């Protein structure tokens, strides 16, 4: 399973509305179109954390979905509550955290630290 972790800022107290917007969108065909298997939303103070699990990376599918009316509706509605850390949203990759370490029981380290590529 592939993991994408989108990190942004959100308006504190808006968690219920953000969840409602995603619940409505998740009832459409959009998650299947993008390849979303699981979506989890978290908050820490004003930090918004959006975890997506999928069989394959979803970045290209999210970028392609920008033309989907449901994606546009959801994005426009979320703009009132969620803002990117720097500038505009751009690509899904631009708003996503970069994983730099992973350990698994029985396997040990499966993703070792590497030099920072400038992100």
PDB file of N, CA and C in Angstrom:
ATOM      1  N   UNK A   1       0.855  -1.175   0.000  1.00  0.00           N
ATOM      2  CA  UNK A   1       0.000   0.000   0.000  1.00  0.00           C
ATOM      3  C   UNK A   1       0.901   1.239   0.000  1.00  0.00           C
ATOM      4  N   UNK A   2       0.573   2.204  -0.803  1.00  0.00           N
ATOM      5  CA  UNK A   2       1.320   3.462  -0.891  1.00  0.00           C
ATOM      6  C   UNK A   2       0.659   4.491   0.033  1.00  0.00           C
ATOM      7  N   UNK A   3       1.462   5.325   0.662  1.00  0.00           N
ATOM      8  CA  UNK A   3       0.960   6.359   1.565  1.00  0.00           C
ATOM      9  C   UNK A   3       1.324   7.737   1.037  1.00  0.00           C
ATOM     10  N   UNK A   4       0.355   8.636   1.004  1.00  0.00           N
ATOM     11  CA  UNK A   4       0.579  10.045   0.686  1.00  0.00           C
ATOM     12  C   UNK A   4       0.132  10.843   1.898  1.00  0.00           C
ATOM     13  N   UNK A   5       0.957  11.781   2.328  1.00  0.00           N
ATOM     14  CA  UNK A   5       0.649  12.586   3.498  1.00  0.00           C
ATOM     15  C   UNK A   5       0.687  14.058   3.096  1.00  0.00           C
ATOM     16  N   UNK A   6      -0.496  14.653   2.965  1.00  0.00           N
ATOM     17  CA  UNK A   6      -0.620  16.059   2.586  1.00  0.00           C
ATOM     18  C   UNK A   6      -0.659  16.885   3.870  1.00  0.00           C
ATOM     19  N   UNK A   7       0.168  17.923   3.910  1.00  0.00           N
ATOM     20  CA  UNK A   7       0.276  18.762   5.100  1.00  0.00           C
ATOM     21  C   UNK A   7      -0.001  20.209   4.706  1.00  0.00           C
ATOM     22  N   UNK A   8      -0.870  20.869   5.462  1.00  0.00           N
ATOM     23  CA  UNK A   8      -1.231  22.260   5.171  1.00  0.00           C
ATOM     24  C   UNK A   8      -1.656  22.933   6.475  1.00  0.00           C
ATOM     25  N   UNK A   9      -2.138  24.139   6.365  1.00  0.00           N
ATOM     26  CA  UNK A   9      -2.706  24.847   7.522  1.00  0.00           C
ATOM     27  C   UNK A   9      -4.229  24.865   7.372  1.00  0.00           C
ATOM     28  N   UNK A  10      -4.911  24.804   8.504  1.00  0.00           N
ATOM     29  CA  UNK A  10      -6.371  24.883   8.444  1.00  0.00           C
ATOM     30  C   UNK A  10      -6.877  25.866   9.494  1.00  0.00           C
ATOM     31  N   UNK A  11      -8.090  26.286   9.310  1.00  0.00           N
ATOM     32  CA  UNK A  11      -8.754  27.189  10.238  1.00  0.00           C
ATOM     33  C   UNK A  11      -9.192  26.374  11.454  1.00  0.00           C
ATOM     34  N   UNK A  12      -8.608  26.610  12.635  1.00  0.00           N
ATOM     35  CA  UNK A  12      -9.009  25.842  13.817  1.00  0.00           C
ATOM     36  C   UNK A  12     -10.519  25.936  14.039  1.00  0.00           C
ATOM     37  N   UNK A  13     -11.110  24.812  14.385  1.00  0.00           N
ATOM     38  CA  UNK A  13     -12.548  24.741  14.595  1.00  0.00           C
ATOM     39  C   UNK A  13     -13.323  24.338  13.353  1.00  0.00           C
ATOM     40  N   UNK A  14     -12.632  24.212  12.216  1.00  0.00           N
ATOM     41  CA  UNK A  14     -13.315  23.870  10.962  1.00  0.00           C
ATOM     42  C   UNK A  14     -13.292  22.375  10.652  1.00  0.00           C
ATOM     43  N   UNK A  15     -12.801  21.570  11.586  1.00  0.00           N
ATOM     44  CA  UNK A  15     -12.656  20.137  11.329  1.00  0.00           C
ATOM     45  C   UNK A  15     -13.972  19.475  10.931  1.00  0.00           C
ATOM     46  N   UNK A  16     -15.060  19.820  11.582  1.00  0.00           N
ATOM     47  CA  UNK A  16     -16.358  19.226  11.256  1.00  0.00           C
ATOM     48  C   UNK A  16     -16.791  19.531   9.837  1.00  0.00           C
ATOM     49  N   UNK A  17     -16.595  20.760   9.407  1.00  0.00           N
ATOM     50  CA  UNK A  17     -16.983  21.142   8.044  1.00  0.00           C
ATOM     51  C   UNK A  17     -16.072  20.475   7.015  1.00  0.00           C
ATOM     52  N   UNK A  18     -14.782  20.397   7.306  1.00  0.00           N
ATOM     53  CA  UNK A  18     -13.855  19.712   6.397  1.00  0.00           C
ATOM     54  C   UNK A  18     -14.256  18.246   6.267  1.00  0.00           C
ATOM     55  N   UNK A  19     -14.551  17.597   7.391  1.00  0.00           N
ATOM     56  CA  UNK A  19     -14.972  16.192   7.366  1.00  0.00           C
ATOM     57  C   UNK A  19     -16.269  16.025   6.579  1.00  0.00           C
ATOM     58  N   UNK A  20     -17.215  16.947   6.758  1.00  0.00           N
ATOM     59  CA  UNK A  20     -18.484  16.873   6.027  1.00  0.00           C
ATOM     60  C   UNK A  20     -18.245  16.990   4.525  1.00  0.00           C
ATOM     61  N   UNK A  21     -17.388  17.912   4.119  1.00  0.00           N
ATOM     62  CA  UNK A  21     -17.094  18.084   2.690  1.00  0.00           C
ATOM     63  C   UNK A  21     -16.457  16.829   2.106  1.00  0.00           C
ATOM     64  N   UNK A  22     -15.514  16.235   2.833  1.00  0.00           N
ATOM     65  CA  UNK A  22     -14.897  15.006   2.334  1.00  0.00           C
ATOM     66  C   UNK A  22     -15.887  13.844   2.326  1.00  0.00           C
ATOM     67  N   UNK A  23     -16.755  13.744   3.336  1.00  0.00           N
ATOM     68  CA  UNK A  23     -17.742  12.660   3.358  1.00  0.00           C
ATOM     69  C   UNK A  23     -18.647  12.737   2.137  1.00  0.00           C
ATOM     70  N   UNK A  24     -19.069  13.943   1.776  1.00  0.00           N
ATOM     71  CA  UNK A  24     -19.921  14.106   0.593  1.00  0.00           C
ATOM     72  C   UNK A  24     -19.162  13.729  -0.671  1.00  0.00           C
ATOM     73  N   UNK A  25     -17.920  14.156  -0.779  1.00  0.00           N
ATOM     74  CA  UNK A  25     -17.120  13.838  -1.960  1.00  0.00           C
ATOM     75  C   UNK A  25     -16.774  12.350  -2.017  1.00  0.00           C
ATOM     76  N   UNK A  26     -16.490  11.762  -0.853  1.00  0.00           N
ATOM     77  CA  UNK A  26     -16.132  10.342  -0.815  1.00  0.00           C
ATOM     78  C   UNK A  26     -17.303   9.441  -1.185  1.00  0.00           C
ATOM     79  N   UNK A  27     -18.520   9.967  -1.171  1.00  0.00           N
ATOM     80  CA  UNK A  27     -19.702   9.204  -1.586  1.00  0.00           C
ATOM     81  C   UNK A  27     -19.867   9.218  -3.106  1.00  0.00           C
ATOM     82  N   UNK A  28     -18.990   9.941  -3.818  1.00  0.00           N
ATOM     83  CA  UNK A  28     -19.032   9.994  -5.285  1.00  0.00           C
ATOM     84  C   UNK A  28     -17.989   9.025  -5.845  1.00  0.00           C
ATOM     85  N   UNK A  29     -17.799   9.047  -7.127  1.00  0.00           N
ATOM     86  CA  UNK A  29     -16.801   8.197  -7.768  1.00  0.00           C
ATOM     87  C   UNK A  29     -15.393   8.755  -7.731  1.00  0.00           C
ATOM     88  N   UNK A  30     -15.208   9.942  -7.154  1.00  0.00           N
ATOM     89  CA  UNK A  30     -13.893  10.583  -7.162  1.00  0.00           C
ATOM     90  C   UNK A  30     -12.803   9.766  -6.470  1.00  0.00           C
ATOM     91  N   UNK A  31     -13.035   9.208  -5.276  1.00  0.00           N
ATOM     92  CA  UNK A  31     -11.967   8.416  -4.657  1.00  0.00           C
ATOM     93  C   UNK A  31     -11.504   7.244  -5.535  1.00  0.00           C
ATOM     94  N   UNK A  32     -12.436   6.562  -6.175  1.00  0.00           N
ATOM     95  CA  UNK A  32     -12.065   5.448  -7.057  1.00  0.00           C
ATOM     96  C   UNK A  32     -11.282   5.953  -8.259  1.00  0.00           C
ATOM     97  N   UNK A  33     -11.684   7.101  -8.798  1.00  0.00           N
ATOM     98  CA  UNK A  33     -10.984   7.681  -9.949  1.00  0.00           C
ATOM     99  C   UNK A  33      -9.526   7.992  -9.602  1.00  0.00           C
ATOM    100  N   UNK A  34      -9.309   8.492  -8.399  1.00  0.00           N
ATOM    101  CA  UNK A  34      -7.957   8.854  -7.967  1.00  0.00           C
ATOM    102  C   UNK A  34      -7.183   7.628  -7.492  1.00  0.00           C
ATOM    103  N   UNK A  35      -7.894   6.618  -6.981  1.00  0.00           N
ATOM    104  CA  UNK A  35      -7.237   5.416  -6.477  1.00  0.00           C
ATOM    105  C   UNK A  35      -7.132   5.379  -4.964  1.00  0.00           C
ATOM    106  N   UNK A  36      -7.949   6.184  -4.279  1.00  0.00           N
ATOM    107  CA  UNK A  36      -7.908   6.241  -2.817  1.00  0.00           C
ATOM    108  C   UNK A  36      -8.521   4.968  -2.241  1.00  0.00           C
ATOM    109  N   UNK A  37      -7.788   4.305  -1.349  1.00  0.00           N
ATOM    110  CA  UNK A  37      -8.296   3.146  -0.619  1.00  0.00           C
ATOM    111  C   UNK A  37      -8.771   3.579   0.765  1.00  0.00           C
ATOM    112  N   UNK A  38      -7.972   4.415   1.428  1.00  0.00           N
ATOM    113  CA  UNK A  38      -8.292   4.906   2.764  1.00  0.00           C
ATOM    114  C   UNK A  38      -7.922   6.381   2.849  1.00  0.00           C
ATOM    115  N   UNK A  39      -8.764   7.158   3.516  1.00  0.00           N
ATOM    116  CA  UNK A  39      -8.464   8.571   3.775  1.00  0.00           C
ATOM    117  C   UNK A  39      -8.631   8.800   5.277  1.00  0.00           C
ATOM    118  N   UNK A  40      -7.639   9.439   5.888  1.00  0.00           N
ATOM    119  CA  UNK A  40      -7.718   9.812   7.300  1.00  0.00           C
ATOM    120  C   UNK A  40      -7.286  11.267   7.419  1.00  0.00           C
ATOM    121  N   UNK A  41      -8.049  12.049   8.176  1.00  0.00           N
ATOM    122  CA  UNK A  41      -7.742  13.460   8.381  1.00  0.00           C
ATOM    123  C   UNK A  41      -7.380  13.685   9.844  1.00  0.00           C
ATOM    124  N   UNK A  42      -6.310  14.445  10.056  1.00  0.00           N
ATOM    125  CA  UNK A  42      -5.827  14.736  11.400  1.00  0.00           C
ATOM    126  C   UNK A  42      -5.604  16.235  11.536  1.00  0.00           C
ATOM    127  N   UNK A  43      -5.556  16.693  12.776  1.00  0.00           N
ATOM    128  CA  UNK A  43      -5.215  18.082  13.041  1.00  0.00           C
ATOM    129  C   UNK A  43      -4.290  18.148  14.246  1.00  0.00           C
ATOM    130  N   UNK A  44      -3.405  19.111  14.221  1.00  0.00           N
ATOM    131  CA  UNK A  44      -2.544  19.415  15.359  1.00  0.00           C
ATOM    132  C   UNK A  44      -2.421  20.926  15.390  1.00  0.00           C
ATOM    133  N   UNK A  45      -3.091  21.560  16.351  1.00  0.00           N
ATOM    134  CA  UNK A  45      -3.196  23.023  16.403  1.00  0.00           C
ATOM    135  C   UNK A  45      -3.775  23.507  15.073  1.00  0.00           C
ATOM    136  N   UNK A  46      -3.027  24.289  14.293  1.00  0.00           N
ATOM    137  CA  UNK A  46      -3.560  24.752  13.005  1.00  0.00           C
ATOM    138  C   UNK A  46      -2.994  23.960  11.825  1.00  0.00           C
ATOM    139  N   UNK A  47      -2.358  22.827  12.111  1.00  0.00           N
ATOM    140  CA  UNK A  47      -1.797  21.991  11.048  1.00  0.00           C
ATOM    141  C   UNK A  47      -2.820  20.929  10.642  1.00  0.00           C
ATOM    142  N   UNK A  48      -3.058  20.845   9.358  1.00  0.00           N
ATOM    143  CA  UNK A  48      -3.981  19.880   8.743  1.00  0.00           C
ATOM    144  C   UNK A  48      -3.131  18.762   8.150  1.00  0.00           C
ATOM    145  N   UNK A  49      -3.459  17.528   8.483  1.00  0.00           N
ATOM    146  CA  UNK A  49      -2.710  16.367   8.013  1.00  0.00           C
ATOM    147  C   UNK A  49      -3.705  15.420   7.356  1.00  0.00           C
ATOM    148  N   UNK A  50      -3.452  15.106   6.104  1.00  0.00           N
ATOM    149  CA  UNK A  50      -4.375  14.326   5.277  1.00  0.00           C
ATOM    150  C   UNK A  50      -3.629  13.092   4.780  1.00  0.00           C
ATOM    151  N   UNK A  51      -3.970  11.938   5.330  1.00  0.00           N
ATOM    152  CA  UNK A  51      -3.323  10.675   4.988  1.00  0.00           C
ATOM    153  C   UNK A  51      -4.163   9.936   3.956  1.00  0.00           C
ATOM    154  N   UNK A  52      -3.540   9.574   2.845  1.00  0.00           N
ATOM    155  CA  UNK A  52      -4.207   8.798   1.799  1.00  0.00           C
ATOM    156  C   UNK A  52      -3.424   7.507   1.608  1.00  0.00           C
ATOM    157  N   UNK A  53      -4.118   6.377   1.668  1.00  0.00           N
ATOM    158  CA  UNK A  53      -3.513   5.083   1.356  1.00  0.00           C
ATOM    159  C   UNK A  53      -4.110   4.600   0.046  1.00  0.00           C
ATOM    160  N   UNK A  54      -3.245   4.100  -0.819  1.00  0.00           N
ATOM    161  CA  UNK A  54      -3.673   3.693  -2.156  1.00  0.00           C
ATOM    162  C   UNK A  54      -2.767   2.576  -2.661  1.00  0.00           C
ATOM    163  N   UNK A  55      -3.255   1.776  -3.623  1.00  0.00           N
ATOM    164  CA  UNK A  55      -2.428   0.706  -4.176  1.00  0.00           C
ATOM    165  C   UNK A  55      -1.195   1.231  -4.916  1.00  0.00           C
ATOM    166  N   UNK A  56      -1.278   2.444  -5.447  1.00  0.00           N
ATOM    167  CA  UNK A  56      -0.178   3.050  -6.205  1.00  0.00           C
ATOM    168  C   UNK A  56      -0.113   4.533  -5.856  1.00  0.00           C
ATOM    169  N   UNK A  57       0.985   5.207  -6.156  1.00  0.00           N
ATOM    170  CA  UNK A  57       1.049   6.650  -5.906  1.00  0.00           C
ATOM    171  C   UNK A  57      -0.118   7.374  -6.575  1.00  0.00           C
ATOM    172  N   UNK A  58      -0.682   8.377  -5.887  1.00  0.00           N
ATOM    173  CA  UNK A  58      -1.873   9.066  -6.395  1.00  0.00           C
ATOM    174  C   UNK A  58      -1.584  10.448  -6.974  1.00  0.00           C
ATOM    175  N   UNK A  59      -0.346  10.897  -6.901  1.00  0.00           N
ATOM    176  CA  UNK A  59      -0.016  12.247  -7.346  1.00  0.00           C
ATOM    177  C   UNK A  59      -0.485  12.565  -8.748  1.00  0.00           C
ATOM    178  N   UNK A  60      -0.154  11.716  -9.716  1.00  0.00           N
ATOM    179  CA  UNK A  60      -0.547  11.966 -11.110  1.00  0.00           C
ATOM    180  C   UNK A  60      -2.065  11.916 -11.268  1.00  0.00           C
ATOM    181  N   UNK A  61      -2.728  10.989 -10.558  1.00  0.00           N
ATOM    182  CA  UNK A  61      -4.191  10.884 -10.647  1.00  0.00           C
ATOM    183  C   UNK A  61      -4.862  12.116 -10.042  1.00  0.00           C
ATOM    184  N   UNK A  62      -4.299  12.651  -8.957  1.00  0.00           N
ATOM    185  CA  UNK A  62      -4.853  13.872  -8.358  1.00  0.00           C
ATOM    186  C   UNK A  62      -4.679  15.035  -9.322  1.00  0.00           C
ATOM    187  N   UNK A  63      -3.498  15.138  -9.914  1.00  0.00           N
ATOM    188  CA  UNK A  63      -3.257  16.221 -10.873  1.00  0.00           C
ATOM    189  C   UNK A  63      -4.219  16.122 -12.055  1.00  0.00           C
ATOM    190  N   UNK A  64      -4.487  14.898 -12.524  1.00  0.00           N
ATOM    191  CA  UNK A  64      -5.425  14.689 -13.635  1.00  0.00           C
ATOM    192  C   UNK A  64      -6.858  15.035 -13.210  1.00  0.00           C
ATOM    193  N   UNK A  65      -7.194  14.758 -11.950  1.00  0.00           N
ATOM    194  CA  UNK A  65      -8.558  14.996 -11.447  1.00  0.00           C
ATOM    195  C   UNK A  65      -8.893  16.481 -11.336  1.00  0.00           C
ATOM    196  N   UNK A  66      -7.912  17.351 -11.475  1.00  0.00           N
ATOM    197  CA  UNK A  66      -8.192  18.797 -11.402  1.00  0.00           C
ATOM    198  C   UNK A  66      -9.272  19.205 -12.398  1.00  0.00           C
ATOM    199  N   UNK A  67      -9.443  18.453 -13.484  1.00  0.00           N
ATOM    200  CA  UNK A  67     -10.473  18.756 -14.472  1.00  0.00           C
ATOM    201  C   UNK A  67     -11.841  18.182 -14.135  1.00  0.00           C
ATOM    202  N   UNK A  68     -11.928  17.353 -13.103  1.00  0.00           N
ATOM    203  CA  UNK A  68     -13.185  16.726 -12.698  1.00  0.00           C
ATOM    204  C   UNK A  68     -14.034  17.749 -11.931  1.00  0.00           C
ATOM    205  N   UNK A  69     -15.306  17.951 -12.325  1.00  0.00           N
ATOM    206  CA  UNK A  69     -16.155  18.931 -11.631  1.00  0.00           C
ATOM    207  C   UNK A  69     -16.285  18.668 -10.125  1.00  0.00           C
ATOM    208  N   UNK A  70     -16.332  17.408  -9.701  1.00  0.00           N
ATOM    209  CA  UNK A  70     -16.431  17.101  -8.268  1.00  0.00           C
ATOM    210  C   UNK A  70     -15.151  17.525  -7.548  1.00  0.00           C
ATOM    211  N   UNK A  71     -14.004  17.275  -8.158  1.00  0.00           N
ATOM    212  CA  UNK A  71     -12.734  17.696  -7.568  1.00  0.00           C
ATOM    213  C   UNK A  71     -12.696  19.219  -7.442  1.00  0.00           C
ATOM    214  N   UNK A  72     -13.139  19.908  -8.483  1.00  0.00           N
ATOM    215  CA  UNK A  72     -13.160  21.377  -8.469  1.00  0.00           C
ATOM    216  C   UNK A  72     -14.101  21.905  -7.389  1.00  0.00           C
ATOM    217  N   UNK A  73     -15.284  21.267  -7.243  1.00  0.00           N
ATOM    218  CA  UNK A  73     -16.245  21.677  -6.219  1.00  0.00           C
ATOM    219  C   UNK A  73     -15.638  21.504  -4.827  1.00  0.00           C
ATOM    220  N   UNK A  74     -15.046  20.339  -4.586  1.00  0.00           N
ATOM    221  CA  UNK A  74     -14.445  20.061  -3.285  1.00  0.00           C
ATOM    222  C   UNK A  74     -13.300  21.032  -3.000  1.00  0.00           C
ATOM    223  N   UNK A  75     -12.428  21.226  -3.958  1.00  0.00           N
ATOM    224  CA  UNK A  75     -11.281  22.126  -3.768  1.00  0.00           C
ATOM    225  C   UNK A  75     -11.727  23.545  -3.457  1.00  0.00           C
ATOM    226  N   UNK A  76     -12.715  24.030  -4.190  1.00  0.00           N
ATOM    227  CA  UNK A  76     -13.225  25.386  -3.957  1.00  0.00           C
ATOM    228  C   UNK A  76     -13.818  25.506  -2.558  1.00  0.00           C
ATOM    229  N   UNK A  77     -14.589  24.509  -2.138  1.00  0.00           N
ATOM    230  CA  UNK A  77     -15.200  24.538  -0.804  1.00  0.00           C
ATOM    231  C   UNK A  77     -14.134  24.466   0.294  1.00  0.00           C
ATOM    232  N   UNK A  78     -13.096  23.652   0.087  1.00  0.00           N
ATOM    233  CA  UNK A  78     -12.046  23.508   1.096  1.00  0.00           C
ATOM    234  C   UNK A  78     -11.162  24.741   1.209  1.00  0.00           C
ATOM    235  N   UNK A  79     -11.104  25.543   0.147  1.00  0.00           N
ATOM    236  CA  UNK A  79     -10.272  26.755   0.170  1.00  0.00           C
ATOM    237  C   UNK A  79     -10.640  27.696   1.313  1.00  0.00           C
ATOM    238  N   UNK A  80     -11.876  27.639   1.781  1.00  0.00           N
ATOM    239  CA  UNK A  80     -12.298  28.493   2.895  1.00  0.00           C
ATOM    240  C   UNK A  80     -11.676  28.047   4.221  1.00  0.00           C
ATOM    241  N   UNK A  81     -11.182  26.802   4.281  1.00  0.00           N
ATOM    242  CA  UNK A  81     -10.706  26.231   5.536  1.00  0.00           C
ATOM    243  C   UNK A  81      -9.247  25.789   5.524  1.00  0.00           C
ATOM    244  N   UNK A  82      -8.713  25.463   4.350  1.00  0.00           N
ATOM    245  CA  UNK A  82      -7.371  24.881   4.252  1.00  0.00           C
ATOM    246  C   UNK A  82      -6.527  25.712   3.297  1.00  0.00           C
ATOM    247  N   UNK A  83      -5.299  26.018   3.731  1.00  0.00           N
ATOM    248  CA  UNK A  83      -4.372  26.785   2.903  1.00  0.00           C
ATOM    249  C   UNK A  83      -3.023  26.072   2.854  1.00  0.00           C
ATOM    250  N   UNK A  84      -2.356  26.098   1.701  1.00  0.00           N
ATOM    251  CA  UNK A  84      -1.027  25.477   1.612  1.00  0.00           C
ATOM    252  C   UNK A  84      -0.016  26.254   2.455  1.00  0.00           C
ATOM    253  N   UNK A  85       1.057  25.590   2.842  1.00  0.00           N
ATOM    254  CA  UNK A  85       2.091  26.255   3.626  1.00  0.00           C
ATOM    255  C   UNK A  85       2.782  27.356   2.835  1.00  0.00           C
ATOM    256  N   UNK A  86       3.035  27.108   1.554  1.00  0.00           N
ATOM    257  CA  UNK A  86       3.780  28.087   0.751  1.00  0.00           C
ATOM    258  C   UNK A  86       3.067  28.343  -0.568  1.00  0.00           C
ATOM    259  N   UNK A  87       2.702  29.585  -0.815  1.00  0.00           N
ATOM    260  CA  UNK A  87       2.141  29.969  -2.104  1.00  0.00           C
ATOM    261  C   UNK A  87       0.830  29.296  -2.427  1.00  0.00           C
ATOM    262  N   UNK A  88       0.749  28.751  -3.639  1.00  0.00           N
ATOM    263  CA  UNK A  88      -0.470  28.087  -4.099  1.00  0.00           C
ATOM    264  C   UNK A  88      -0.285  26.578  -4.028  1.00  0.00           C
ATOM    265  N   UNK A  89      -1.379  25.847  -4.263  1.00  0.00           N
ATOM    266  CA  UNK A  89      -1.331  24.394  -4.145  1.00  0.00           C
ATOM    267  C   UNK A  89      -0.391  23.752  -5.151  1.00  0.00           C
ATOM    268  N   UNK A  90      -0.465  24.122  -6.415  1.00  0.00           N
ATOM    269  CA  UNK A  90       0.382  23.480  -7.416  1.00  0.00           C
ATOM    270  C   UNK A  90       0.041  22.011  -7.555  1.00  0.00           C
ATOM    271  N   UNK A  91       1.041  21.143  -7.471  1.00  0.00           N
ATOM    272  CA  UNK A  91       0.834  19.704  -7.625  1.00  0.00           C
ATOM    273  C   UNK A  91       0.601  19.047  -6.270  1.00  0.00           C
ATOM    274  N   UNK A  92       0.087  17.815  -6.313  1.00  0.00           N
ATOM    275  CA  UNK A  92      -0.116  17.053  -5.080  1.00  0.00           C
ATOM    276  C   UNK A  92       1.225  16.833  -4.380  1.00  0.00           C
ATOM    277  N   UNK A  93       2.255  16.581  -5.148  1.00  0.00           N
ATOM    278  CA  UNK A  93       3.578  16.336  -4.565  1.00  0.00           C
ATOM    279  C   UNK A  93       4.083  17.549  -3.784  1.00  0.00           C
ATOM    280  N   UNK A  94       3.787  18.728  -4.279  1.00  0.00           N
ATOM    281  CA  UNK A  94       4.248  19.959  -3.628  1.00  0.00           C
ATOM    282  C   UNK A  94       3.654  20.116  -2.228  1.00  0.00           C
ATOM    283  N   UNK A  95       2.451  19.618  -2.008  1.00  0.00           N
ATOM    284  CA  UNK A  95       1.786  19.740  -0.711  1.00  0.00           C
ATOM    285  C   UNK A  95       1.990  18.512   0.172  1.00  0.00           C
ATOM    286  N   UNK A  96       2.753  17.531  -0.318  1.00  0.00           N
ATOM    287  CA  UNK A  96       2.913  16.272   0.406  1.00  0.00           C
ATOM    288  C   UNK A  96       4.223  16.222   1.182  1.00  0.00           C
ATOM    289  N   UNK A  97       4.145  15.597   2.351  1.00  0.00           N
ATOM    290  CA  UNK A  97       5.347  15.373   3.148  1.00  0.00           C
ATOM    291  C   UNK A  97       6.220  14.342   2.439  1.00  0.00           C
ATOM    292  N   UNK A  98       7.518  14.456   2.649  1.00  0.00           N
ATOM    293  CA  UNK A  98       8.473  13.512   2.070  1.00  0.00           C
ATOM    294  C   UNK A  98       8.906  12.546   3.166  1.00  0.00           C
ATOM    295  N   UNK A  99       8.665  11.263   2.948  1.00  0.00           N
ATOM    296  CA  UNK A  99       9.062  10.250   3.924  1.00  0.00           C
ATOM    297  C   UNK A  99      10.571  10.067   3.854  1.00  0.00           C
ATOM    298  N   UNK A 100      11.220  10.004   5.027  1.00  0.00           N
ATOM    299  CA  UNK A 100      12.671   9.829   5.030  1.00  0.00           C
ATOM    300  C   UNK A 100      13.139   8.664   5.892  1.00  0.00           C
ATOM    301  N   UNK A 101      12.202   7.957   6.554  1.00  0.00           N
ATOM    302  CA  UNK A 101      12.594   6.809   7.367  1.00  0.00           C
ATOM    303  C   UNK A 101      11.391   5.908   7.555  1.00  0.00           C
ATOM    304  N   UNK A 102      11.644   4.595   7.561  1.00  0.00           N
ATOM    305  CA  UNK A 102      10.584   3.626   7.846  1.00  0.00           C
ATOM    306  C   UNK A 102      11.203   2.394   8.477  1.00  0.00           C
ATOM    307  N   UNK A 103      10.566   1.909   9.518  1.00  0.00           N
ATOM    308  CA  UNK A 103      10.951   0.686  10.202  1.00  0.00           C
ATOM    309  C   UNK A 103       9.717  -0.184  10.301  1.00  0.00           C
ATOM    310  N   UNK A 104       9.877  -1.498  10.124  1.00  0.00           N
ATOM    311  CA  UNK A 104       8.766  -2.444  10.258  1.00  0.00           C
ATOM    312  C   UNK A 104       9.207  -3.619  11.111  1.00  0.00           C
ATOM    313  N   UNK A 105       8.315  -4.027  12.013  1.00  0.00           N
ATOM    314  CA  UNK A 105       8.589  -5.198  12.839  1.00  0.00           C
ATOM    315  C   UNK A 105       8.824  -6.400  11.938  1.00  0.00           C
ATOM    316  N   UNK A 106       9.859  -7.136  12.204  1.00  0.00           N
ATOM    317  CA  UNK A 106      10.187  -8.313  11.413  1.00  0.00           C
ATOM    318  C   UNK A 106      11.041  -8.019  10.189  1.00  0.00           C
ATOM    319  N   UNK A 107      11.101  -6.756   9.783  1.00  0.00           N
ATOM    320  CA  UNK A 107      11.900  -6.388   8.611  1.00  0.00           C
ATOM    321  C   UNK A 107      13.012  -5.415   8.958  1.00  0.00           C
ATOM    322  N   UNK A 108      12.823  -4.653  10.020  1.00  0.00           N
ATOM    323  CA  UNK A 108      13.809  -3.641  10.378  1.00  0.00           C
ATOM    324  C   UNK A 108      13.628  -2.381   9.554  1.00  0.00           C
ATOM    325  N   UNK A 109      14.739  -1.700   9.287  1.00  0.00           N
ATOM    326  CA  UNK A 109      14.697  -0.458   8.518  1.00  0.00           C
ATOM    327  C   UNK A 109      14.452  -0.804   7.053  1.00  0.00           C
ATOM    328  N   UNK A 110      13.380  -0.260   6.483  1.00  0.00           N
ATOM    329  CA  UNK A 110      13.059  -0.507   5.072  1.00  0.00           C
ATOM    330  C   UNK A 110      13.224   0.747   4.223  1.00  0.00           C
ATOM    331  N   UNK A 111      13.369   1.892   4.871  1.00  0.00           N
ATOM    332  CA  UNK A 111      13.657   3.139   4.162  1.00  0.00           C
ATOM    333  C   UNK A 111      14.615   3.916   5.046  1.00  0.00           C
ATOM    334  N   UNK A 112      15.870   3.943   4.634  1.00  0.00           N
ATOM    335  CA  UNK A 112      16.905   4.595   5.431  1.00  0.00           C
ATOM    336  C   UNK A 112      17.006   6.071   5.074  1.00  0.00           C
ATOM    337  N   UNK A 113      17.507   6.881   6.010  1.00  0.00           N
ATOM    338  CA  UNK A 113      17.694   8.305   5.721  1.00  0.00           C
ATOM    339  C   UNK A 113      18.617   8.510   4.526  1.00  0.00           C
ATOM    340  N   UNK A 114      18.264   9.502   3.710  1.00  0.00           N
ATOM    341  CA  UNK A 114      19.078   9.867   2.553  1.00  0.00           C
ATOM    342  C   UNK A 114      19.327  11.360   2.601  1.00  0.00           C
ATOM    343  N   UNK A 115      20.223  11.823   1.774  1.00  0.00           N
ATOM    344  CA  UNK A 115      20.489  13.257   1.701  1.00  0.00           C
ATOM    345  C   UNK A 115      19.225  13.988   1.275  1.00  0.00           C
ATOM    346  N   UNK A 116      18.982  15.151   1.850  1.00  0.00           N
ATOM    347  CA  UNK A 116      17.816  15.971   1.514  1.00  0.00           C
ATOM    348  C   UNK A 116      17.975  16.515   0.103  1.00  0.00           C
ATOM    349  N   UNK A 117      17.033  16.193  -0.811  1.00  0.00           N
ATOM    350  CA  UNK A 117      17.161  16.652  -2.195  1.00  0.00           C
ATOM    351  C   UNK A 117      16.738  18.105  -2.395  1.00  0.00           C
ATOM    352  N   UNK A 118      16.718  18.888  -1.334  1.00  0.00           N
ATOM    353  CA  UNK A 118      16.390  20.298  -1.487  1.00  0.00           C
ATOM    354  C   UNK A 118      14.948  20.654  -1.225  1.00  0.00           C
ATOM    355  N   UNK A 119      14.165  19.743  -0.676  1.00  0.00           N
ATOM    356  CA  UNK A 119      12.768  20.045  -0.351  1.00  0.00           C
ATOM    357  C   UNK A 119      12.656  20.729   0.953  1.00  0.00           C
TER     358      UNK A 119
END
